[in-house]
Amino acid sequence: MQKVLATLGVSGQSWDMPAATPSPLPIGKKPAARRRPAKVRPFPAKTARIAEHAPAFAAEAASHFDVAAFCQKYALKRDLISRMTSYAPRTVASWAAGKPVHGAAIQKVTELKRLATALGQLVEPATIGPWFQAPNPSFEGSTPAQLVERGESDRIWRMIHLLESGQPG
């Protein structure tokens, strides 16, 4: 101990430590900062009107999925819809029977509807089903349906954007 004190430049035989004061906080914890109350801003009337109707409209549009009409318009089969939404064929059959789409399935169905609609603006809608199932050299030999299954639909969206903008891809 004497050597340690000497290296620190402390001389003397006795080492008086100051009395430790008890801390109300556990060691290593900092006191919480005081937070100011949040300012309440008025909600704009126009935004309120939109927000009033938007959730109901979006929920209704997404929860209703006319599988038969979708399959007929885009020449798709239910098993392909099942694969691309990652839901069982029985679930897709229940949607076809009129059961509403719930929960996480709404996102998958909405994405599939948007994708088919965007493709339908570029090509004849009846050619979309076969296109989803054909290997595509632009996607390294994968089918567009496989891209959707793997969560890589952004690659299809990029292709759609390039076709719409007229840029060579």
Foldseek 3Di string as FASTA:
>chain_A
DQVVCVVVVHDDDDDDDDDDDDDPDPPPDDDDDDDDDDDDDDDDPVVVVCVVCVVVVLQVVLFQDQLVVLCVQQVADLVLLCLLLVHDSVVSVVSNVPGTDDDPSSVSSVVVVVLLVLVVVVDRSPCRRVQQVFQDVLVVRDGVSVCSNVVNCVSVVVVSVCVVVVHDD
